[in-house]
Protein backbone atom coordinates (compact mmCIF):
# COMPACT_ATOMS: atom_id res chain seq x y z
CA UNK A 1 77.73 207.50 179.54
CA UNK A 2 78.52 204.31 181.49
CA UNK A 3 76.79 205.68 184.60
CA UNK A 4 73.63 204.56 182.78
CA UNK A 5 74.80 200.92 182.67
CA UNK A 6 74.39 198.23 185.33
CA UNK A 7 77.47 196.82 187.03
CA UNK A 8 76.94 193.56 185.13
CA UNK A 9 76.89 195.44 181.79
CA UNK A 10 80.11 197.27 182.62
CA UNK A 11 81.79 194.03 183.71
CA UNK A 12 80.65 192.39 180.46
CA UNK A 13 82.14 195.15 178.32
CA UNK A 14 85.41 194.99 180.27
CA UNK A 15 85.46 191.22 179.88
CA UNK A 16 84.77 191.59 176.14
CA UNK A 17 87.96 193.67 175.90
CA UNK A 18 89.94 190.98 177.69
CA UNK A 19 88.47 188.32 175.42
CA UNK A 20 89.40 190.32 172.31
CA UNK A 21 92.99 190.56 173.54
CA UNK A 22 92.99 186.87 174.36
CA UNK A 23 91.89 186.11 170.80
CA UNK A 24 94.63 188.34 169.42
CA UNK A 25 92.15 190.75 167.80
CA UNK A 26 92.83 194.45 167.31
CA UNK A 27 89.29 195.67 168.14
CA UNK A 28 86.51 194.70 170.54
CA UNK A 29 83.43 193.59 168.61
CA UNK A 30 79.99 192.14 169.31
CA UNK A 31 81.34 188.58 169.12
CA UNK A 32 83.65 189.27 172.06
CA UNK A 33 80.65 190.59 174.00
CA UNK A 34 78.83 187.30 173.30
CA UNK A 35 81.87 185.40 174.53
CA UNK A 36 81.95 187.55 177.69
CA UNK A 37 78.26 186.81 178.32
CA UNK A 38 78.75 183.08 177.79
CA UNK A 39 81.89 182.61 179.90
CA UNK A 40 81.51 184.97 182.86
CA UNK A 41 79.12 183.88 185.61
CA UNK A 42 78.87 187.39 187.09
CA UNK A 43 77.54 188.93 183.89
CA UNK A 44 73.87 189.21 184.76
CA UNK A 45 70.79 188.06 182.96
CA UNK A 46 72.55 187.61 179.60
CA UNK A 47 74.74 184.88 181.10
CA UNK A 48 71.72 183.22 182.73
CA UNK A 49 69.75 183.23 179.46
CA UNK A 50 72.65 181.80 177.46
CA UNK A 51 73.43 179.18 180.12
CA UNK A 52 69.79 178.06 180.25
CA UNK A 53 69.82 177.82 176.44
CA UNK A 54 72.91 175.61 176.45
CA UNK A 55 75.24 178.24 174.93
CA UNK A 56 78.77 177.77 176.33
CA UNK A 57 81.93 179.82 176.04
CA UNK A 58 83.71 176.90 174.40
CA UNK A 59 81.21 176.75 171.54
CA UNK A 60 81.20 180.54 171.07
CA UNK A 61 85.00 180.68 171.03
CA UNK A 62 85.16 177.96 168.38
CA UNK A 63 82.65 179.86 166.21
CA UNK A 64 84.61 183.10 166.61
CA UNK A 65 87.76 181.35 165.35
CA UNK A 66 85.88 180.55 162.11
CA UNK A 67 84.80 184.17 161.63
CA UNK A 68 87.95 185.94 162.81
CA UNK A 69 91.28 184.10 162.76
CA UNK A 70 93.10 184.35 166.07
CA UNK A 71 96.24 186.48 165.98
CA UNK A 72 98.50 188.46 168.28
CA UNK A 73 97.69 191.93 169.64
CA UNK A 74 100.52 194.44 169.12
CA UNK A 75 98.84 197.37 170.92
CA UNK A 76 98.22 197.68 174.65
CA UNK A 77 94.98 199.60 174.10
CA UNK A 78 92.23 198.25 171.84
CA UNK A 79 89.03 200.12 171.01
CA UNK A 80 85.40 199.17 170.45
CA UNK A 81 84.66 198.65 166.77
CA UNK A 82 81.85 200.47 164.94
CA UNK A 83 79.31 197.67 165.41
CA UNK A 84 79.80 197.57 169.18
CA UNK A 85 79.49 201.35 169.43
CA UNK A 86 76.19 201.10 167.53
CA UNK A 87 75.05 198.38 169.93
CA UNK A 88 75.73 200.63 172.95
CA UNK A 89 73.63 203.42 171.43
CA UNK A 90 70.81 201.04 170.55
CA UNK A 91 70.88 199.53 174.06
CA UNK A 92 70.54 203.01 175.58
CA UNK A 93 67.47 203.54 173.43
CA UNK A 94 66.00 200.15 174.33
CA UNK A 95 66.26 200.70 178.08
CA UNK A 96 63.83 203.65 177.68
CA UNK A 97 61.24 201.37 176.04
CA UNK A 98 61.79 197.97 177.64
CA UNK A 99 61.90 197.23 181.34
CA UNK A 100 61.88 199.64 184.24
CA UNK A 101 63.94 202.27 182.41
CA UNK A 102 66.61 202.74 185.08
CA UNK A 103 69.85 201.42 183.54
CA UNK A 104 71.10 199.48 180.56
CA UNK A 105 71.23 195.81 181.54
CA UNK A 106 73.06 192.95 179.87
CA UNK A 107 69.62 191.99 178.54
CA UNK A 108 69.36 195.32 176.70
CA UNK A 109 72.87 194.76 175.30
CA UNK A 110 71.82 191.29 174.12
CA UNK A 111 68.68 192.60 172.40
CA UNK A 112 70.65 195.38 170.70
CA UNK A 113 73.31 192.89 169.55
CA UNK A 114 70.64 190.63 168.05
CA UNK A 115 68.99 193.57 166.26
CA UNK A 116 72.27 194.68 164.68
CA UNK A 117 72.47 191.18 163.14
CA UNK A 118 76.27 191.03 163.00
CA UNK A 119 78.67 188.41 164.27
CA UNK A 120 76.82 188.11 167.59
CA UNK A 121 73.60 187.15 165.81
CA UNK A 122 75.39 184.90 163.32
CA UNK A 123 77.11 182.86 166.04
CA UNK A 124 74.01 182.78 168.26
CA UNK A 125 71.90 181.46 165.37
CA UNK A 126 74.26 178.46 165.18
CA UNK A 127 73.92 177.82 168.91
CA UNK A 128 70.14 178.06 169.44
CA UNK A 129 67.20 176.90 167.37
CA UNK A 130 65.28 180.20 167.45
CA UNK A 131 66.99 183.52 168.17
CA UNK A 132 63.67 185.40 168.14
CA UNK A 133 62.31 183.19 170.93
CA UNK A 134 65.42 184.06 172.95
CA UNK A 135 64.72 187.76 172.25
CA UNK A 136 61.17 187.43 173.58
CA UNK A 137 62.44 185.60 176.65
CA UNK A 138 64.97 188.39 177.25
CA UNK A 139 62.27 191.08 177.01
CA UNK A 140 60.12 189.19 179.55
CA UNK A 141 63.00 188.97 182.03
CA UNK A 142 64.01 192.63 181.56
CA UNK A 143 60.41 193.64 182.30
CA UNK A 144 60.21 191.59 185.51
CA UNK A 145 61.45 192.26 189.06
CA UNK A 146 63.96 189.43 188.52
CA UNK A 147 65.99 191.77 186.31
CA UNK A 148 67.38 193.81 189.21
CA UNK A 149 68.40 190.71 191.16
CA UNK A 150 70.19 189.20 188.14
CA UNK A 151 72.05 192.41 187.30
CA UNK A 152 72.94 193.49 190.85
CA UNK A 153 73.76 190.36 192.83
CA UNK A 154 76.19 192.20 195.12
CA UNK A 155 74.33 195.49 195.40
CA UNK A 156 72.62 196.41 198.69
CA UNK A 157 69.96 199.02 198.14
CA UNK A 158 68.40 200.46 201.28
CA UNK A 159 66.32 203.46 202.29
CA UNK A 160 68.33 206.44 203.55
CA UNK A 161 68.07 207.19 207.29
CA UNK A 162 66.57 210.60 206.43
CA UNK A 163 63.71 209.01 204.50
CA UNK A 164 63.21 206.35 207.18
CA UNK A 165 62.79 209.04 209.83
CA UNK A 166 59.94 210.61 207.85
CA UNK A 167 57.84 207.48 207.28
CA UNK A 168 54.52 207.22 209.11
CA UNK A 169 53.37 204.07 210.85
CA UNK A 170 51.08 203.23 207.95
CA UNK A 171 54.00 203.34 205.49
CA UNK A 172 56.06 201.07 207.74
CA UNK A 173 53.08 198.70 207.54
CA UNK A 174 53.18 198.95 203.73
CA UNK A 175 56.90 198.06 203.72
CA UNK A 176 56.36 195.11 206.06
CA UNK A 177 53.52 193.80 203.88
CA UNK A 178 55.63 194.27 200.73
CA UNK A 179 58.54 192.35 202.30
CA UNK A 180 56.15 189.60 203.40
CA UNK A 181 55.05 189.21 199.77
CA UNK A 182 58.70 189.10 198.67
CA UNK A 183 59.41 186.26 201.09
CA UNK A 184 56.24 184.31 200.36
CA UNK A 185 56.99 184.43 196.63
CA UNK A 186 60.69 183.62 196.91
CA UNK A 187 61.77 186.88 195.30
CA UNK A 188 65.13 188.54 195.93
CA UNK A 189 64.23 192.18 196.53
CA UNK A 190 61.39 194.65 197.08
CA UNK A 191 60.30 196.15 193.76
CA UNK A 192 57.84 198.92 192.94
CA UNK A 193 55.33 196.16 192.18
CA UNK A 194 55.71 194.78 195.71
CA UNK A 195 55.20 198.31 197.11
CA UNK A 196 51.95 198.57 195.14
CA UNK A 197 50.82 195.25 196.58
CA UNK A 198 51.78 196.43 200.07
CA UNK A 199 49.69 199.59 199.64
CA UNK A 200 46.74 197.51 198.44
CA UNK A 201 47.01 195.04 201.34
CA UNK A 202 47.27 197.87 203.86
CA UNK A 203 43.94 199.16 202.58
CA UNK A 204 44.12 202.88 203.41
CA UNK A 205 45.16 204.52 200.12
CA UNK A 206 43.55 201.82 197.94
CA UNK A 207 40.16 200.43 198.88
CA UNK A 208 37.97 197.74 197.32
CA UNK A 209 40.65 196.21 195.11
CA UNK A 210 40.90 192.57 194.09
CA UNK A 211 44.20 191.69 195.78
CA UNK A 212 44.19 188.22 194.21
CA UNK A 213 44.09 189.82 190.77
CA UNK A 214 46.97 192.11 191.73
CA UNK A 215 49.00 189.11 192.91
CA UNK A 216 48.27 187.37 189.61
CA UNK A 217 49.59 190.41 187.74
CA UNK A 218 52.79 190.26 189.79
CA UNK A 219 53.17 186.53 189.16
CA UNK A 220 52.88 187.13 185.41
CA UNK A 221 56.01 189.28 185.43
CA UNK A 222 57.97 187.42 188.11
CA UNK A 223 57.70 183.69 188.59
CA UNK A 224 57.34 182.43 192.14
CA UNK A 225 60.82 181.49 193.31
CA UNK A 226 62.28 178.89 195.65
CA UNK A 227 61.18 180.67 198.81
CA UNK A 228 64.82 181.12 199.80
CA UNK A 229 64.65 184.90 200.00
CA UNK A 230 67.62 186.74 201.57
CA UNK A 231 67.48 187.49 205.30
CA UNK A 232 67.03 191.19 204.57
CA UNK A 233 65.36 192.07 201.28
CA UNK A 234 66.94 195.01 199.44
CA UNK A 235 64.97 197.63 197.52
CA UNK A 236 65.21 197.98 193.75
CA UNK A 237 66.32 201.37 192.36
CA UNK A 238 62.76 202.02 191.17
CA UNK A 239 61.36 201.27 194.64
CA UNK A 240 63.91 203.70 196.13
CA UNK A 241 62.83 206.27 193.55
CA UNK A 242 59.18 205.79 194.56
CA UNK A 243 59.97 206.25 198.25
CA UNK A 244 62.06 209.36 197.53
CA UNK A 245 59.17 210.84 195.52
CA UNK A 246 56.81 209.94 198.35
CA UNK A 247 59.01 211.87 200.79
CA UNK A 248 59.01 214.93 198.50
CA UNK A 249 55.22 214.83 198.24
CA UNK A 250 54.91 214.61 202.03
CA UNK A 251 57.45 217.40 202.57
CA UNK A 252 55.43 219.72 200.32
CA UNK A 253 52.48 219.15 202.68
CA UNK A 254 54.75 219.50 205.77
CA UNK A 255 53.97 216.05 207.23
CA UNK A 256 55.29 212.51 207.43
CA UNK A 257 55.01 210.14 204.46
CA UNK A 258 51.63 208.42 204.19
CA UNK A 259 50.53 205.47 202.10
CA UNK A 260 48.67 207.87 199.77
CA UNK A 261 52.04 209.50 198.99
CA UNK A 262 53.47 206.11 198.06
CA UNK A 263 50.49 205.45 195.78
CA UNK A 264 50.81 208.90 194.16
CA UNK A 265 54.51 208.29 193.58
CA UNK A 266 53.74 204.90 192.01
CA UNK A 267 51.14 206.55 189.75
CA UNK A 268 53.73 209.12 188.65
CA UNK A 269 56.07 206.49 187.17
CA UNK A 270 56.36 207.02 183.43
CA UNK A 271 57.55 203.51 182.58
CA UNK A 272 57.55 199.92 183.76
CA UNK A 273 55.05 197.30 184.73
CA UNK A 274 53.54 199.26 187.64
CA UNK A 275 52.13 201.78 185.17
CA UNK A 276 50.59 198.96 183.12
CA UNK A 277 49.10 197.28 186.21
CA UNK A 278 47.62 200.55 187.53
CA UNK A 279 46.03 201.22 184.17
CA UNK A 280 44.65 197.69 183.86
CA UNK A 281 43.20 197.75 187.39
CA UNK A 282 42.03 201.37 186.96
CA UNK A 283 43.74 202.58 190.12
């Protein structure tokens, strides 16, 4: 099951177990997950959202002590309690409906924890003025290209050499244009949305499109960053998926990958913001 979770989500759940032991509790619950999010800097978008909202590990720990008296663990192995198991199931369901549908992020875990309305929600409601506003903010971040960068800070996604060898010159131009947009907007990686913009700018597969409108759509889901993009921009899992589909389409026609294959692969996505943008722009 955990193959469907981001590295940040897995680290958060492991940290929640350590926090439960540290509190002397016999089971890992949603409150320990909140503490893991608040205290651990490597725990993805959930940590960033809590930090930006002023929620600290110290405050969460103090609130937990009011709900669950600290004790002493007598067992080496402690299990997830029923509420946390429910949260994992709900998060798996949410990742199919919110975001790019690839893996369960810490944002999905946060939304599921809020929906369950247990200790996580109770403590969070004491720490922020409006939990529902935080939920909406979380949904916006999950649905944006920023999500991958926040959840996979150490991950280096690249195109396989086999796929690279099958790309035509026009697709290399698409990738260069997409990376140029990444750098000019201060983003951290090349997403499916950047690929769509690259195809539009290249002008072979898509003609007579309002590129400014397409850029505005991208800016709505991913704020322009600092401009300090990494030296070599990585590809998001969805962008890799698009390029792999493009290669399959080209292979079925016994030729190299063209920009029209990239567009067809983008149009075949069943989830995410690319689908919404294509529909809105009638591409």
